[in-house]
N, C-alpha and C. Protein backbone atom coordinates (compact mmCIF):
# COMPACT_ATOMS: atom_id res chain seq x y z
N UNK A 1 13.33 -37.39 165.79
CA UNK A 1 13.47 -37.84 164.44
C UNK A 1 14.14 -36.72 163.64
N UNK A 2 15.09 -37.04 162.82
CA UNK A 2 15.73 -36.03 161.98
C UNK A 2 15.45 -36.37 160.52
N UNK A 3 14.57 -35.58 159.92
CA UNK A 3 14.20 -35.80 158.52
C UNK A 3 15.08 -35.00 157.56
N UNK A 4 16.09 -34.31 158.10
CA UNK A 4 17.03 -33.54 157.29
C UNK A 4 16.30 -32.49 156.44
N UNK A 5 15.39 -31.74 157.07
CA UNK A 5 14.58 -30.76 156.37
C UNK A 5 15.00 -29.31 156.62
N UNK A 6 16.03 -29.10 157.42
CA UNK A 6 16.45 -27.75 157.75
C UNK A 6 16.73 -26.95 156.47
N UNK A 7 16.06 -25.80 156.37
CA UNK A 7 16.26 -24.92 155.24
C UNK A 7 15.35 -25.21 154.05
N UNK A 8 14.62 -26.31 154.07
CA UNK A 8 13.71 -26.58 152.96
C UNK A 8 12.43 -25.76 153.14
N UNK A 9 11.68 -25.63 152.06
CA UNK A 9 10.40 -24.92 152.10
C UNK A 9 9.31 -25.90 151.72
N UNK A 10 8.22 -25.87 152.48
CA UNK A 10 7.08 -26.74 152.17
C UNK A 10 5.79 -25.93 152.21
N UNK A 11 4.85 -26.33 151.38
CA UNK A 11 3.54 -25.74 151.35
C UNK A 11 2.55 -26.86 151.66
N UNK A 12 1.77 -26.67 152.69
CA UNK A 12 0.85 -27.71 153.14
C UNK A 12 -0.58 -27.21 153.06
N UNK A 13 -1.40 -27.93 152.33
CA UNK A 13 -2.81 -27.56 152.20
C UNK A 13 -3.62 -28.21 153.31
N UNK A 14 -4.76 -27.62 153.60
CA UNK A 14 -5.62 -28.15 154.67
C UNK A 14 -4.98 -28.01 156.03
N UNK A 15 -4.21 -26.95 156.23
CA UNK A 15 -3.37 -26.81 157.42
C UNK A 15 -4.09 -26.20 158.63
N UNK A 16 -5.41 -26.02 158.56
CA UNK A 16 -6.09 -25.40 159.70
C UNK A 16 -6.46 -26.41 160.79
N UNK A 17 -6.49 -27.70 160.44
CA UNK A 17 -6.86 -28.71 161.44
C UNK A 17 -6.46 -30.10 160.97
N UNK A 18 -6.62 -31.04 161.85
CA UNK A 18 -6.42 -32.46 161.51
C UNK A 18 -5.03 -32.79 161.01
N UNK A 19 -5.00 -33.64 159.97
CA UNK A 19 -3.74 -34.13 159.42
C UNK A 19 -2.89 -32.99 158.86
N UNK A 20 -3.52 -32.03 158.18
CA UNK A 20 -2.77 -30.91 157.62
C UNK A 20 -2.08 -30.09 158.69
N UNK A 21 -2.79 -29.83 159.79
CA UNK A 21 -2.24 -29.07 160.91
C UNK A 21 -1.06 -29.84 161.53
N UNK A 22 -1.26 -31.12 161.76
CA UNK A 22 -0.20 -31.95 162.36
C UNK A 22 1.01 -32.03 161.45
N UNK A 23 0.78 -32.09 160.15
CA UNK A 23 1.88 -32.15 159.19
C UNK A 23 2.68 -30.85 159.20
N UNK A 24 1.98 -29.72 159.23
CA UNK A 24 2.66 -28.43 159.30
C UNK A 24 3.50 -28.33 160.57
N UNK A 25 2.94 -28.78 161.67
CA UNK A 25 3.65 -28.76 162.95
C UNK A 25 4.91 -29.63 162.90
N UNK A 26 4.80 -30.81 162.32
CA UNK A 26 5.94 -31.73 162.23
C UNK A 26 7.04 -31.16 161.33
N UNK A 27 6.67 -30.69 160.14
CA UNK A 27 7.67 -30.14 159.23
C UNK A 27 8.39 -28.95 159.88
N UNK A 28 7.63 -28.08 160.56
CA UNK A 28 8.26 -26.93 161.22
C UNK A 28 9.21 -27.40 162.32
N UNK A 29 8.81 -28.40 163.09
CA UNK A 29 9.67 -28.90 164.17
C UNK A 29 10.94 -29.54 163.64
N UNK A 30 10.92 -29.95 162.37
CA UNK A 30 12.09 -30.57 161.74
C UNK A 30 12.96 -29.54 161.01
N UNK A 31 12.60 -28.25 161.13
CA UNK A 31 13.45 -27.20 160.58
C UNK A 31 13.03 -26.64 159.24
N UNK A 32 11.93 -27.13 158.68
CA UNK A 32 11.46 -26.62 157.39
C UNK A 32 10.77 -25.27 157.57
N UNK A 33 10.81 -24.46 156.53
CA UNK A 33 10.04 -23.21 156.49
C UNK A 33 8.68 -23.59 155.91
N UNK A 34 7.62 -23.39 156.68
CA UNK A 34 6.31 -23.91 156.33
C UNK A 34 5.31 -22.80 156.00
N UNK A 35 4.60 -23.00 154.90
CA UNK A 35 3.44 -22.18 154.56
C UNK A 35 2.24 -23.12 154.61
N UNK A 36 1.30 -22.80 155.49
CA UNK A 36 0.08 -23.58 155.58
C UNK A 36 -1.04 -22.86 154.86
N UNK A 37 -1.85 -23.60 154.12
CA UNK A 37 -2.94 -23.01 153.35
C UNK A 37 -4.25 -23.70 153.74
N UNK A 38 -5.29 -22.88 153.95
CA UNK A 38 -6.62 -23.43 154.20
C UNK A 38 -7.66 -22.35 153.99
N UNK A 39 -8.92 -22.78 153.93
CA UNK A 39 -10.02 -21.83 153.72
C UNK A 39 -10.32 -21.03 154.97
N UNK A 40 -9.96 -21.57 156.13
CA UNK A 40 -10.19 -20.84 157.38
C UNK A 40 -8.93 -20.90 158.24
N UNK A 41 -8.83 -19.93 159.13
CA UNK A 41 -7.66 -19.85 160.00
C UNK A 41 -7.68 -21.00 161.02
N UNK A 42 -6.52 -21.48 161.40
CA UNK A 42 -6.47 -22.52 162.44
C UNK A 42 -6.96 -21.95 163.77
N UNK A 43 -7.64 -22.79 164.55
CA UNK A 43 -8.10 -22.34 165.88
C UNK A 43 -6.93 -21.99 166.78
N UNK A 44 -5.87 -22.74 166.65
CA UNK A 44 -4.65 -22.49 167.43
C UNK A 44 -3.51 -22.26 166.44
N UNK A 45 -3.13 -21.00 166.20
CA UNK A 45 -2.05 -20.72 165.24
C UNK A 45 -0.74 -21.42 165.64
N UNK A 46 -0.01 -21.84 164.64
CA UNK A 46 1.28 -22.48 164.86
C UNK A 46 2.38 -21.43 164.78
N UNK A 47 3.10 -21.20 165.87
CA UNK A 47 4.21 -20.24 165.83
C UNK A 47 5.24 -20.67 164.79
N UNK A 48 5.68 -19.72 163.99
CA UNK A 48 6.70 -20.02 162.99
C UNK A 48 6.17 -20.52 161.67
N UNK A 49 4.86 -20.78 161.59
CA UNK A 49 4.26 -21.24 160.34
C UNK A 49 3.47 -20.07 159.75
N UNK A 50 3.79 -19.74 158.51
CA UNK A 50 3.07 -18.66 157.82
C UNK A 50 1.78 -19.27 157.26
N UNK A 51 0.64 -18.70 157.63
CA UNK A 51 -0.64 -19.26 157.18
C UNK A 51 -1.28 -18.33 156.16
N UNK A 52 -1.77 -18.92 155.08
CA UNK A 52 -2.44 -18.18 154.02
C UNK A 52 -3.87 -18.68 153.91
N UNK A 53 -4.83 -17.76 153.94
CA UNK A 53 -6.23 -18.13 153.75
C UNK A 53 -6.53 -18.13 152.26
N UNK A 54 -6.96 -19.27 151.74
CA UNK A 54 -7.28 -19.37 150.31
C UNK A 54 -8.15 -20.59 150.07
N UNK A 55 -9.05 -20.46 149.11
CA UNK A 55 -9.86 -21.59 148.65
C UNK A 55 -9.22 -22.08 147.36
N UNK A 56 -8.49 -23.17 147.43
CA UNK A 56 -7.74 -23.66 146.28
C UNK A 56 -8.64 -24.22 145.18
N UNK A 57 -9.95 -24.21 145.42
CA UNK A 57 -10.89 -24.62 144.39
C UNK A 57 -11.21 -23.51 143.41
N UNK A 58 -10.73 -22.31 143.68
CA UNK A 58 -10.95 -21.19 142.77
C UNK A 58 -9.76 -21.07 141.82
N UNK A 59 -9.99 -20.63 140.59
CA UNK A 59 -8.92 -20.63 139.58
C UNK A 59 -7.67 -19.81 139.94
N UNK A 60 -7.85 -18.67 140.60
CA UNK A 60 -6.70 -17.79 140.86
C UNK A 60 -5.95 -18.13 142.14
N UNK A 61 -6.54 -18.90 143.01
CA UNK A 61 -5.96 -19.12 144.35
C UNK A 61 -4.58 -19.76 144.33
N UNK A 62 -4.34 -20.84 143.58
CA UNK A 62 -3.00 -21.44 143.63
C UNK A 62 -1.88 -20.46 143.30
N UNK A 63 -2.05 -19.66 142.27
CA UNK A 63 -1.03 -18.67 141.91
C UNK A 63 -0.84 -17.63 142.97
N UNK A 64 -1.94 -17.20 143.62
CA UNK A 64 -1.84 -16.21 144.69
C UNK A 64 -1.11 -16.76 145.91
N UNK A 65 -1.35 -18.02 146.22
CA UNK A 65 -0.68 -18.64 147.37
C UNK A 65 0.82 -18.72 147.12
N UNK A 66 1.21 -19.15 145.95
CA UNK A 66 2.64 -19.29 145.63
C UNK A 66 3.31 -17.92 145.62
N UNK A 67 2.61 -16.92 145.12
CA UNK A 67 3.18 -15.56 145.07
C UNK A 67 3.39 -15.05 146.49
């Protein structure tokens, strides 16, 4: 499948498992630069995906993740 994502940047929350993990994997396989965010590290890190540990329920976390 070609989603024409080469060179785009995406930020995916809940990327440590389940749908978030699968979404990060798909976007990366389609050529996007992916930042995955979650409260805990994924059990199986995704090569090429930059992972940030953050609890987005805290006031400062969204700004820190984007920075």
